[in-house]
Amino acid sequence: MIHKIKALYDEGRGLSIRGIAGELGVSRNTIRKYLALPVEEISTAQGQTTRCKKLDGYKTYLISLLQTYPNLSAVKVERKLRAQFPDLVCSKRSLRRFVHELKEQVCVRQPRYYQPIVDMVPGHQCQVDMGELRTVRIGGVETTVYFSVFVLSYSRLMYVVASLVPVDTEIFIRMHDAAFRYFGGCPKECVYDQTKLVVIREEYRELQLNRRFAEYAAYARFNIRVCEGYDPESKGKVEAGVKYVKHDGLYGEDFPTIGDLHGDLAKWLDEVANQRQHGVTGEAPRVRFDRDEAKALQSYCVPIDQSDGHGGVTRQVDRTGLISWKGNQYSVPMAYQRQTVLVRETSGYVVVLDRAMEEITRHEVYAGKGAILKNGDHYRNKEITITKLEKDIDDVIRPVPTASLLSLIKETSPEIYKDQLVGLLQILHRHGPVSAELMAWICDRPSLTATQFRTFLEVGPELMARRARNDVVTRTGDLSRYAGVVGVPHVFH
């Protein structure tokens, strides 16, 4: 266009400005502007074939929307965009033109079930993944802990739910329920890998979803998105979150009970994971969530009678082991003192659940007000007593006496003597019978712990045999010079 104007004008020897405007159908002001441009500026302007547009900042969200719903009209796209970003200032014409260009650039004919993450949109997406750690010590025993991690893509707010049994569909749903209640709402979509808990089968990117989980997702009103196979980068935030939970939240910790595991994880989330300055956002996830994302989440309220009883309301257990529920107080086992539990009412019972949504106890609903309903068993120590443990160890080792062993263990670790006995019993069950000679050799030392006892059981026979061989060599060397006196060799037994 610029070259045509210059050619027709021909440095004043051609058509007039009015004539050029009539010839090209361009306003006279535009022609004057281009005629006034020097050659250098014209070259620069022609070299800038692309320019930043006001809607470029919303491009990721629009692409995600169009790939999910390729037949959306520009009018509906505009309505959804303005609902998501109320402060957007843009004319309808510009928005429709931008959407039209995106539809030409983006392949939307082949639907995908997972799209690029929409980081810039609060409340839009949560990434979910599972992990396990096999060396978590609970009550002195190495235990496998299975857990699910939920990370909100915008704020990076994290939630973790742990279980001592492998996660099936029902447990997975309960974990989602606990996470959404922790967030105070539900995102618009959740991203998963191709786990059988979500996807039964995938062929040519056609998904057969787990029916039970799909029903829950539909009722909770979030979309399921599944990554392509062998594509962990598609949910990199939660992949990093699983490693973070393993190495910072669980590894190197020793939990007395499963209740302590859940309590310590909750404390770690509130005081460490969600309070640290995130390396990407530069803010603490909790701060970013409270400021921008909490209000953007969808409401989440799954009625108990329509969710197979997976719902619950959080309650804090007081120092006397009581929770409040509808004007009355109900007891829970003392192991859950000052911890957060979930409470639901169903079929005439008040049911108390732990963070893994496993039932702790239940009481019949009391119709009055102001009552304290106690279960006497909650205030008794139902754990194995020290006397019982000592007797069990004695039964396993018999006829080898255990007095020296137990006395040495108690003198070494009096504060954790009970835990040490639990460990000893497990080690003895795995190892099998112990000889009196090996037991005497192990107890012939100033101190002893359960882990040291396990090591000595493994290496003790070899060390004792080596010491015996050294003694034979030493004695043979001392007396061999007398062998010729009697004419016969000395044989040692």
Protein backbone atom coordinates (compact mmCIF):
# COMPACT_ATOMS: atom_id res chain seq x y z
CA MET A 1 0.00 0.00 0.00
CA ILE A 2 2.79 2.45 0.90
CA HIS A 3 4.62 1.76 -2.35
CA LYS A 4 1.43 2.27 -4.37
CA ILE A 5 0.83 5.64 -2.73
CA LYS A 6 4.44 6.72 -3.39
CA ALA A 7 4.28 5.59 -7.02
CA LEU A 8 0.98 7.35 -7.75
CA TYR A 9 2.17 10.58 -6.10
CA ASP A 10 5.58 10.43 -7.87
CA GLU A 11 7.12 13.25 -5.83
CA GLY A 12 4.29 15.62 -6.78
CA ARG A 13 4.43 14.85 -10.49
CA GLY A 14 1.61 12.30 -10.44
CA LEU A 15 -1.87 12.26 -8.96
CA SER A 16 -2.91 14.62 -6.20
CA ILE A 17 -3.71 13.45 -2.67
CA ARG A 18 -7.42 13.67 -3.50
CA GLY A 19 -6.88 11.64 -6.67
CA ILE A 20 -4.88 8.94 -4.87
CA ALA A 21 -7.58 8.70 -2.21
CA GLY A 22 -10.21 8.17 -4.89
CA GLU A 23 -8.04 5.65 -6.72
CA LEU A 24 -7.17 3.48 -3.70
CA GLY A 25 -10.22 4.08 -1.50
CA VAL A 26 -8.06 5.34 1.37
CA SER A 27 -8.60 8.45 3.44
CA ARG A 28 -6.57 11.54 2.58
CA ASN A 29 -5.13 11.71 6.11
CA THR A 30 -3.72 8.20 5.73
CA ILE A 31 -2.14 9.16 2.40
CA ARG A 32 -0.60 12.31 3.93
CA LYS A 33 0.83 10.20 6.81
CA TYR A 34 2.49 7.72 4.47
CA LEU A 35 3.79 10.40 2.12
CA ALA A 36 5.44 12.12 5.06
CA LEU A 37 7.26 8.94 6.19
CA PRO A 38 10.97 8.77 5.30
CA VAL A 39 12.27 5.67 3.48
CA GLU A 40 14.01 4.34 6.64
CA GLU A 41 10.84 4.38 8.70
CA ILE A 42 8.90 2.66 5.93
CA SER A 43 11.45 -0.19 5.87
CA THR A 44 11.30 -0.51 9.65
CA ALA A 45 7.49 -0.58 9.65
CA GLN A 46 7.41 -3.25 6.95
CA GLY A 47 9.95 -5.35 8.85
CA GLN A 48 7.67 -5.47 11.93
CA THR A 49 5.23 -8.02 10.57
CA THR A 50 3.99 -8.98 14.04
CA ARG A 51 3.02 -6.83 16.97
CA CYS A 52 1.92 -7.43 20.53
CA LYS A 53 -1.84 -7.48 20.92
CA LYS A 54 -3.85 -6.71 24.02
CA LEU A 55 -5.36 -10.21 24.07
CA ASP A 56 -2.02 -12.06 23.80
CA GLY A 57 -1.96 -12.36 27.58
CA TYR A 58 -5.17 -14.42 27.44
CA LYS A 59 -4.05 -16.62 24.54
CA THR A 60 -3.30 -19.72 26.64
CA TYR A 61 -6.73 -19.70 28.22
CA LEU A 62 -8.48 -19.15 24.88
CA ILE A 63 -6.52 -21.98 23.20
CA SER A 64 -7.44 -24.31 26.06
CA LEU A 65 -11.09 -23.32 25.74
CA LEU A 66 -11.19 -23.76 21.96
CA GLN A 67 -9.41 -27.10 22.01
CA THR A 68 -11.87 -28.39 24.58
CA TYR A 69 -14.94 -26.94 22.84
CA PRO A 70 -13.98 -26.38 19.17
CA ASN A 71 -17.49 -25.32 18.11
CA LEU A 72 -17.85 -22.45 20.58
CA SER A 73 -19.07 -19.27 18.94
CA ALA A 74 -17.08 -16.07 19.35
CA VAL A 75 -20.01 -14.61 21.32
CA LYS A 76 -19.85 -17.40 23.90
CA VAL A 77 -16.07 -17.27 24.01
CA GLU A 78 -16.33 -13.58 24.84
CA ARG A 79 -18.88 -14.27 27.58
CA LYS A 80 -16.67 -16.95 29.17
CA LEU A 81 -13.56 -14.78 28.92
CA ARG A 82 -15.24 -11.79 30.55
CA ALA A 83 -16.67 -14.03 33.29
CA GLN A 84 -13.18 -15.37 34.01
CA PHE A 85 -11.51 -11.94 33.78
CA PRO A 86 -14.01 -9.25 34.83
CA ASP A 87 -11.40 -6.48 34.48
CA LEU A 88 -10.75 -7.19 30.78
CA VAL A 89 -11.00 -4.07 28.60
CA CYS A 90 -11.43 -4.99 24.94
CA SER A 91 -13.94 -4.28 22.19
CA LYS A 92 -16.18 -7.06 20.91
CA ARG A 93 -14.83 -6.60 17.40
CA SER A 94 -11.20 -7.02 18.49
CA LEU A 95 -12.06 -10.10 20.53
CA ARG A 96 -13.96 -11.77 17.69
CA ARG A 97 -11.14 -11.05 15.26
CA PHE A 98 -8.61 -12.50 17.70
CA VAL A 99 -10.71 -15.64 18.23
CA HIS A 100 -11.10 -16.06 14.47
CA GLU A 101 -7.30 -15.92 14.03
CA LEU A 102 -6.82 -18.47 16.82
CA LYS A 103 -9.26 -20.89 15.22
CA GLU A 104 -7.22 -20.74 12.01
CA GLN A 105 -3.91 -21.24 13.83
CA VAL A 106 -4.91 -23.87 16.40
CA CYS A 107 -5.84 -27.40 15.35
CA VAL A 108 -9.15 -28.01 17.04
CA ARG A 109 -10.60 -30.77 14.87
CA GLN A 110 -8.89 -33.58 16.81
CA PRO A 111 -9.96 -33.13 20.46
CA ARG A 112 -7.31 -33.65 23.11
CA TYR A 113 -8.01 -34.72 26.67
CA TYR A 114 -5.17 -32.77 28.15
CA GLN A 115 -4.19 -29.27 27.18
CA PRO A 116 -1.39 -26.87 28.17
CA ILE A 117 -1.70 -25.72 31.76
CA VAL A 118 -3.48 -22.46 32.31
CA ASP A 119 -1.23 -20.97 34.98
CA MET A 120 -2.63 -17.48 34.75
CA VAL A 121 -6.20 -18.41 35.65
CA PRO A 122 -6.95 -18.73 39.40
CA GLY A 123 -9.16 -21.64 40.36
CA HIS A 124 -9.00 -23.25 36.94
CA GLN A 125 -6.82 -26.31 37.43
CA CYS A 126 -5.52 -28.77 40.02
CA GLN A 127 -2.84 -31.36 39.24
CA VAL A 128 -3.12 -34.71 41.00
CA ASP A 129 -0.58 -37.51 41.32
CA MET A 130 0.17 -40.41 43.64
CA GLY A 131 3.35 -41.68 45.23
CA GLU A 132 4.60 -44.12 47.80
CA LEU A 133 7.52 -44.38 50.20
CA ARG A 134 8.52 -47.76 51.60
CA THR A 135 10.81 -46.80 54.45
CA VAL A 136 8.55 -44.68 56.65
CA ARG A 137 8.92 -45.71 60.30
CA ILE A 138 5.61 -45.93 62.17
CA GLY A 139 5.81 -47.26 65.70
CA GLY A 140 9.40 -48.35 65.05
CA VAL A 141 8.37 -50.44 62.03
CA GLU A 142 9.33 -49.65 58.44
CA THR A 143 6.03 -49.21 56.63
CA THR A 144 4.96 -48.39 53.08
CA VAL A 145 2.94 -45.18 52.95
CA TYR A 146 0.77 -44.45 49.91
CA PHE A 147 -0.20 -40.84 49.33
CA SER A 148 -1.90 -38.50 46.87
CA VAL A 149 -0.70 -34.95 46.21
CA PHE A 150 -2.99 -32.14 45.02
CA VAL A 151 -1.41 -28.91 43.68
CA LEU A 152 -3.41 -25.91 42.48
CA SER A 153 -1.69 -24.73 39.28
CA TYR A 154 -2.07 -21.01 39.90
CA SER A 155 -1.10 -20.59 43.55
CA ARG A 156 0.83 -23.87 43.99
CA LEU A 157 -1.14 -24.51 47.19
CA MET A 158 -0.59 -28.17 48.08
CA TYR A 159 -2.52 -30.81 49.96
CA VAL A 160 -1.41 -34.37 50.82
CA VAL A 161 -3.48 -37.36 51.95
CA ALA A 162 -1.73 -40.54 53.17
CA SER A 163 -2.92 -44.13 53.47
CA LEU A 164 -1.37 -47.35 54.79
CA VAL A 165 -3.20 -49.46 52.20
CA PRO A 166 -2.90 -49.25 48.40
CA VAL A 167 -5.22 -46.62 46.97
CA ASP A 168 -8.36 -47.92 45.24
CA THR A 169 -11.12 -45.91 43.60
CA GLU A 170 -13.12 -45.30 46.78
CA ILE A 171 -10.06 -44.19 48.75
CA PHE A 172 -9.05 -41.96 45.81
CA ILE A 173 -12.47 -40.30 45.87
CA ARG A 174 -12.21 -39.75 49.63
CA MET A 175 -8.80 -38.19 49.13
CA HIS A 176 -10.30 -35.76 46.61
CA ASP A 177 -13.06 -34.96 49.06
CA ALA A 178 -10.54 -34.15 51.78
CA ALA A 179 -8.45 -32.01 49.39
CA PHE A 180 -11.40 -29.95 48.14
CA ARG A 181 -12.57 -29.34 51.69
CA TYR A 182 -9.05 -28.22 52.60
CA PHE A 183 -9.01 -25.82 49.62
CA GLY A 184 -12.49 -24.60 50.47
CA GLY A 185 -13.74 -25.23 46.95
CA CYS A 186 -13.30 -27.20 43.75
CA PRO A 187 -11.28 -26.26 40.63
CA LYS A 188 -12.80 -26.41 37.17
CA GLU A 189 -10.57 -29.28 36.09
CA CYS A 190 -8.13 -31.84 37.49
CA VAL A 191 -5.18 -33.28 35.57
CA TYR A 192 -4.08 -36.92 35.95
CA ASP A 193 -1.74 -39.41 34.39
CA GLN A 194 -3.16 -42.62 32.95
CA THR A 195 -3.87 -44.36 36.23
CA LYS A 196 -6.54 -47.07 36.34
CA LEU A 197 -8.24 -45.09 39.09
CA VAL A 198 -9.19 -42.56 36.41
CA VAL A 199 -8.74 -44.20 32.98
CA ILE A 200 -9.58 -47.85 32.35
CA ARG A 201 -8.33 -47.88 28.77
CA GLU A 202 -6.91 -45.46 26.20
CA GLU A 203 -6.69 -46.05 22.45
CA TYR A 204 -5.88 -43.36 19.91
CA ARG A 205 -6.47 -40.82 22.68
CA GLU A 206 -10.01 -42.13 23.15
CA LEU A 207 -10.51 -42.64 26.86
CA GLN A 208 -12.67 -45.10 28.71
CA LEU A 209 -12.97 -43.51 32.14
CA ASN A 210 -13.39 -45.27 35.45
CA ARG A 211 -17.17 -45.07 35.79
CA ARG A 212 -17.28 -44.63 39.57
CA PHE A 213 -14.70 -41.84 39.50
CA ALA A 214 -16.33 -40.17 36.49
CA GLU A 215 -19.66 -40.10 38.37
CA TYR A 216 -18.00 -38.43 41.34
CA ALA A 217 -16.30 -35.85 39.07
CA ALA A 218 -19.60 -35.07 37.36
CA TYR A 219 -21.35 -34.56 40.69
CA ALA A 220 -18.52 -32.44 42.10
CA ARG A 221 -18.53 -30.44 38.81
CA PHE A 222 -14.90 -30.69 37.72
CA ASN A 223 -13.57 -31.83 34.34
CA ILE A 224 -11.17 -34.76 34.06
CA ARG A 225 -8.07 -34.18 31.94
CA VAL A 226 -5.62 -36.99 31.27
CA CYS A 227 -2.03 -36.61 30.12
CA GLU A 228 -0.77 -38.42 27.10
CA GLY A 229 1.26 -41.53 27.88
CA TYR A 230 4.88 -41.04 28.95
CA ASP A 231 4.43 -37.29 29.20
CA PRO A 232 5.13 -36.34 32.84
CA GLU A 233 5.92 -32.73 31.88
CA SER A 234 2.19 -32.24 31.28
CA LYS A 235 1.73 -32.12 35.06
CA GLY A 236 5.17 -31.03 36.16
CA LYS A 237 3.98 -29.09 39.18
CA VAL A 238 2.56 -32.12 40.95
CA GLU A 239 5.45 -34.34 39.77
CA ALA A 240 7.77 -32.00 41.64
CA GLY A 241 5.29 -31.98 44.53
CA VAL A 242 5.47 -35.78 44.92
CA LYS A 243 9.27 -35.61 45.22
CA TYR A 244 8.94 -32.74 47.69
CA VAL A 245 6.54 -34.73 49.89
CA LYS A 246 8.82 -37.79 49.81
CA HIS A 247 12.09 -36.06 50.61
CA ASP A 248 10.97 -33.16 52.79
CA GLY A 249 7.71 -34.32 54.33
CA LEU A 250 8.20 -38.05 55.02
CA TYR A 251 11.80 -39.12 54.59
CA GLY A 252 13.84 -39.26 57.79
CA GLU A 253 10.81 -38.98 60.10
CA ASP A 254 9.70 -41.48 62.75
CA PHE A 255 5.98 -41.46 63.60
CA PRO A 256 4.75 -43.20 66.78
CA THR A 257 1.28 -43.90 65.30
CA ILE A 258 -0.66 -43.42 62.07
CA GLY A 259 -2.47 -40.57 63.78
CA ASP A 260 0.85 -38.82 64.32
CA LEU A 261 1.67 -39.31 60.64
CA HIS A 262 -1.52 -37.52 59.58
CA GLY A 263 -1.03 -34.80 62.18
CA ASP A 264 2.60 -34.14 61.26
CA LEU A 265 1.75 -34.02 57.54
CA ALA A 266 -0.96 -31.44 58.24
CA LYS A 267 1.48 -29.37 60.29
CA TRP A 268 4.13 -29.67 57.58
CA LEU A 269 1.65 -28.43 54.97
CA ASP A 270 0.54 -25.44 57.04
CA GLU A 271 3.94 -24.41 58.37
CA VAL A 272 6.40 -25.45 55.65
CA ALA A 273 5.10 -26.48 52.23
CA ASN A 274 2.46 -23.78 51.82
CA GLN A 275 4.46 -21.05 53.58
CA ARG A 276 7.75 -21.33 51.67
CA GLN A 277 8.59 -18.84 48.95
CA HIS A 278 7.92 -20.67 45.71
CA GLY A 279 10.76 -20.61 43.21
CA VAL A 280 8.51 -19.81 40.21
CA THR A 281 5.83 -17.50 41.60
CA GLY A 282 8.15 -15.81 44.12
CA GLU A 283 5.36 -15.93 46.71
CA ALA A 284 4.19 -18.26 49.44
CA PRO A 285 1.43 -20.53 48.03
CA ARG A 286 -0.87 -19.71 50.96
CA VAL A 287 -0.52 -15.96 50.38
CA ARG A 288 -1.11 -16.26 46.66
CA PHE A 289 -4.09 -18.57 47.24
CA ASP A 290 -5.77 -16.36 49.87
CA ARG A 291 -5.33 -13.25 47.75
CA ASP A 292 -6.30 -14.49 44.27
CA GLU A 293 -7.51 -18.07 44.12
CA ALA A 294 -9.74 -18.84 47.09
CA LYS A 295 -12.59 -16.74 45.70
CA ALA A 296 -12.16 -18.21 42.19
CA LEU A 297 -12.81 -21.84 43.18
CA GLN A 298 -16.20 -23.39 42.56
CA SER A 299 -18.30 -24.17 45.59
CA TYR A 300 -17.94 -27.76 46.77
CA CYS A 301 -20.68 -29.35 48.79
CA VAL A 302 -21.31 -33.02 48.09
CA PRO A 303 -24.34 -34.12 50.18
CA ILE A 304 -23.65 -37.26 52.18
CA ASP A 305 -26.65 -39.14 50.85
CA GLN A 306 -25.48 -38.62 47.28
CA SER A 307 -21.78 -39.36 47.72
CA ASP A 308 -21.83 -42.77 49.42
CA GLY A 309 -21.05 -41.08 52.74
CA HIS A 310 -17.72 -39.65 51.72
CA GLY A 311 -18.45 -36.15 52.93
CA GLY A 312 -17.44 -34.74 56.28
CA VAL A 313 -17.03 -31.65 58.41
CA THR A 314 -13.73 -30.91 60.14
CA ARG A 315 -13.60 -30.83 63.92
CA GLN A 316 -10.72 -30.24 66.33
CA VAL A 317 -10.31 -32.85 69.07
CA ASP A 318 -9.71 -31.13 72.42
CA ARG A 319 -7.15 -32.20 75.01
CA THR A 320 -9.70 -34.42 76.75
CA GLY A 321 -10.40 -36.40 73.57
CA LEU A 322 -13.81 -34.84 72.78
CA ILE A 323 -15.33 -33.28 69.67
CA SER A 324 -18.40 -31.06 69.44
CA TRP A 325 -21.30 -32.04 67.20
CA LYS A 326 -24.72 -30.36 67.16
CA GLY A 327 -24.71 -29.24 70.76
CA ASN A 328 -23.18 -32.41 72.24
CA GLN A 329 -19.68 -33.77 72.80
CA TYR A 330 -18.51 -37.19 71.65
CA SER A 331 -15.30 -39.00 72.58
CA VAL A 332 -12.59 -40.25 70.22
CA PRO A 333 -9.54 -42.40 71.05
CA MET A 334 -6.92 -40.51 73.04
CA ALA A 335 -4.37 -41.02 70.25
CA TYR A 336 -6.24 -38.28 68.32
CA GLN A 337 -6.03 -35.59 71.03
CA ARG A 338 -5.66 -32.07 69.57
CA GLN A 339 -5.83 -33.35 66.01
CA THR A 340 -8.21 -32.46 63.20
CA VAL A 341 -10.74 -35.14 62.24
CA LEU A 342 -13.71 -35.36 59.89
CA VAL A 343 -17.23 -35.93 61.23
CA ARG A 344 -20.35 -36.98 59.39
CA GLU A 345 -23.79 -38.12 60.48
CA THR A 346 -25.40 -41.08 58.77
CA SER A 347 -27.99 -43.73 59.62
CA GLY A 348 -28.41 -42.44 63.16
CA TYR A 349 -24.68 -42.43 63.96
CA VAL A 350 -22.03 -39.75 64.36
CA VAL A 351 -19.09 -41.20 62.44
CA VAL A 352 -15.56 -39.86 63.04
CA LEU A 353 -12.94 -40.26 60.27
CA ASP A 354 -9.22 -39.57 60.10
CA ARG A 355 -7.51 -37.61 57.32
CA ALA A 356 -7.29 -40.73 55.15
CA MET A 357 -11.10 -40.98 55.47
CA GLU A 358 -10.80 -44.17 57.51
CA GLU A 359 -13.31 -44.61 60.32
CA ILE A 360 -11.97 -44.00 63.83
CA THR A 361 -15.13 -44.47 65.87
CA ARG A 362 -18.89 -43.93 65.85
CA HIS A 363 -21.58 -42.98 68.38
CA GLU A 364 -25.35 -43.13 68.28
CA VAL A 365 -26.78 -39.67 67.72
CA TYR A 366 -28.02 -38.13 70.98
CA ALA A 367 -31.30 -36.27 70.56
CA GLY A 368 -30.79 -33.79 73.41
CA LYS A 369 -28.30 -30.98 73.93
CA GLY A 370 -25.35 -30.43 76.26
CA ALA A 371 -24.49 -34.11 76.81
CA ILE A 372 -21.04 -35.70 76.85
CA LEU A 373 -21.10 -39.14 75.21
CA LYS A 374 -18.05 -41.24 76.08
CA ASN A 375 -16.81 -44.63 75.03
CA GLY A 376 -14.79 -46.07 77.91
CA ASP A 377 -12.42 -47.87 75.57
CA HIS A 378 -11.23 -44.51 74.24
CA TYR A 379 -9.62 -43.78 77.61
CA ARG A 380 -7.88 -47.10 78.07
CA ASN A 381 -4.46 -47.96 76.72
CA LYS A 382 -5.31 -50.70 74.29
CA GLU A 383 -1.76 -51.01 72.98
CA ILE A 384 0.34 -54.01 73.81
CA THR A 385 1.83 -53.67 77.30
CA ILE A 386 5.53 -53.95 78.07
CA THR A 387 4.92 -57.08 80.11
CA LYS A 388 3.14 -58.72 77.21
CA LEU A 389 5.95 -57.78 74.83
CA GLU A 390 8.61 -59.16 77.16
CA LYS A 391 6.68 -62.42 77.47
CA ASP A 392 6.31 -62.71 73.67
CA ILE A 393 10.06 -62.18 73.20
CA ASP A 394 10.79 -64.80 75.86
CA ASP A 395 8.49 -67.28 74.05
CA VAL A 396 10.26 -66.70 70.73
CA ILE A 397 13.81 -67.10 72.08
CA ARG A 398 13.08 -69.91 74.57
CA PRO A 399 14.97 -71.93 75.81
CA VAL A 400 17.63 -69.20 75.55
CA PRO A 401 17.23 -66.85 78.55
CA THR A 402 16.22 -63.25 77.74
CA ALA A 403 16.92 -61.47 81.03
CA SER A 404 20.34 -60.15 80.00
CA LEU A 405 19.08 -59.01 76.60
CA LEU A 406 16.03 -57.15 77.95
CA SER A 407 18.00 -55.58 80.77
CA LEU A 408 20.67 -54.31 78.36
CA ILE A 409 18.06 -52.90 75.96
CA LYS A 410 16.26 -51.12 78.81
CA GLU A 411 19.47 -49.63 80.24
CA THR A 412 20.46 -48.35 76.80
CA SER A 413 17.12 -46.77 75.80
CA PRO A 414 14.82 -46.43 78.82
CA GLU A 415 12.66 -43.71 77.23
CA ILE A 416 11.83 -45.78 74.15
CA TYR A 417 12.00 -49.21 75.77
CA LYS A 418 8.52 -50.17 74.59
CA ASP A 419 9.30 -49.26 70.98
CA GLN A 420 12.56 -51.17 71.20
CA LEU A 421 10.66 -54.26 72.37
CA VAL A 422 8.30 -53.99 69.40
CA GLY A 423 11.33 -53.85 67.11
CA LEU A 424 13.04 -56.78 68.83
CA LEU A 425 9.95 -58.95 68.45
CA GLN A 426 9.69 -58.23 64.73
CA ILE A 427 13.41 -58.88 64.19
CA LEU A 428 13.23 -62.20 66.02
CA HIS A 429 10.20 -63.31 64.02
CA ARG A 430 12.07 -62.61 60.78
CA HIS A 431 15.40 -64.12 61.87
CA GLY A 432 14.28 -67.32 63.53
CA PRO A 433 15.97 -69.24 66.42
CA VAL A 434 19.02 -67.72 68.16
CA SER A 435 21.68 -69.91 69.77
CA ALA A 436 22.72 -69.42 73.38
CA GLU A 437 26.33 -68.78 72.30
CA LEU A 438 25.26 -66.04 69.85
CA MET A 439 22.97 -64.45 72.45
CA ALA A 440 25.77 -64.42 75.03
CA TRP A 441 28.15 -62.88 72.50
CA ILE A 442 25.61 -60.14 71.62
CA CYS A 443 24.89 -59.31 75.26
CA ASP A 444 28.60 -59.10 76.10
CA ARG A 445 28.80 -55.36 75.51
CA PRO A 446 28.00 -52.17 77.46
CA SER A 447 24.97 -51.04 75.41
CA LEU A 448 22.57 -52.41 72.81
CA THR A 449 19.71 -51.16 70.64
CA ALA A 450 17.23 -53.02 68.47
CA THR A 451 18.98 -52.02 65.24
CA GLN A 452 22.35 -53.09 66.63
CA PHE A 453 20.78 -56.40 67.71
CA ARG A 454 19.61 -56.97 64.12
CA THR A 455 23.12 -56.25 62.78
CA PHE A 456 24.77 -58.58 65.30
CA LEU A 457 22.35 -61.37 64.37
CA GLU A 458 23.44 -61.02 60.75
CA VAL A 459 27.22 -60.77 61.23
CA GLY A 460 27.64 -62.46 64.63
CA PRO A 461 28.08 -66.11 63.48
CA GLU A 462 30.81 -65.17 61.01
CA LEU A 463 32.67 -63.01 63.53
CA MET A 464 32.47 -65.72 66.18
CA ALA A 465 33.79 -68.32 63.72
CA ARG A 466 36.63 -66.03 62.68
CA ARG A 467 37.61 -65.45 66.31
CA ALA A 468 37.59 -69.20 66.93
CA ARG A 469 39.90 -69.77 63.95
CA ASN A 470 42.30 -67.12 65.20
CA ASP A 471 42.38 -68.79 68.61
CA VAL A 472 43.27 -72.15 67.03
CA VAL A 473 46.08 -70.61 64.98
CA THR A 474 47.46 -68.84 68.03
CA ARG A 475 47.44 -71.95 70.22
CA THR A 476 48.96 -74.11 67.44
CA GLY A 477 51.79 -71.63 67.01
CA ASP A 478 52.56 -71.68 70.72
CA LEU A 479 52.69 -75.52 71.16
CA SER A 480 53.89 -76.80 67.80
CA ARG A 481 57.54 -76.72 68.94
CA TYR A 482 56.71 -79.40 71.51
CA ALA A 483 55.23 -81.78 68.97
CA GLY A 484 58.55 -83.52 68.33
CA VAL A 485 59.10 -84.30 72.02
CA VAL A 486 56.41 -86.99 72.11
CA GLY A 487 56.62 -87.86 68.41
CA VAL A 488 52.95 -87.23 67.61
CA PRO A 489 51.22 -84.13 66.40
CA HIS A 490 48.86 -82.24 68.70
CA VAL A 491 45.24 -82.18 67.65
CA PHE A 492 43.02 -79.44 69.05
CA HIS A 493 39.27 -79.62 69.24
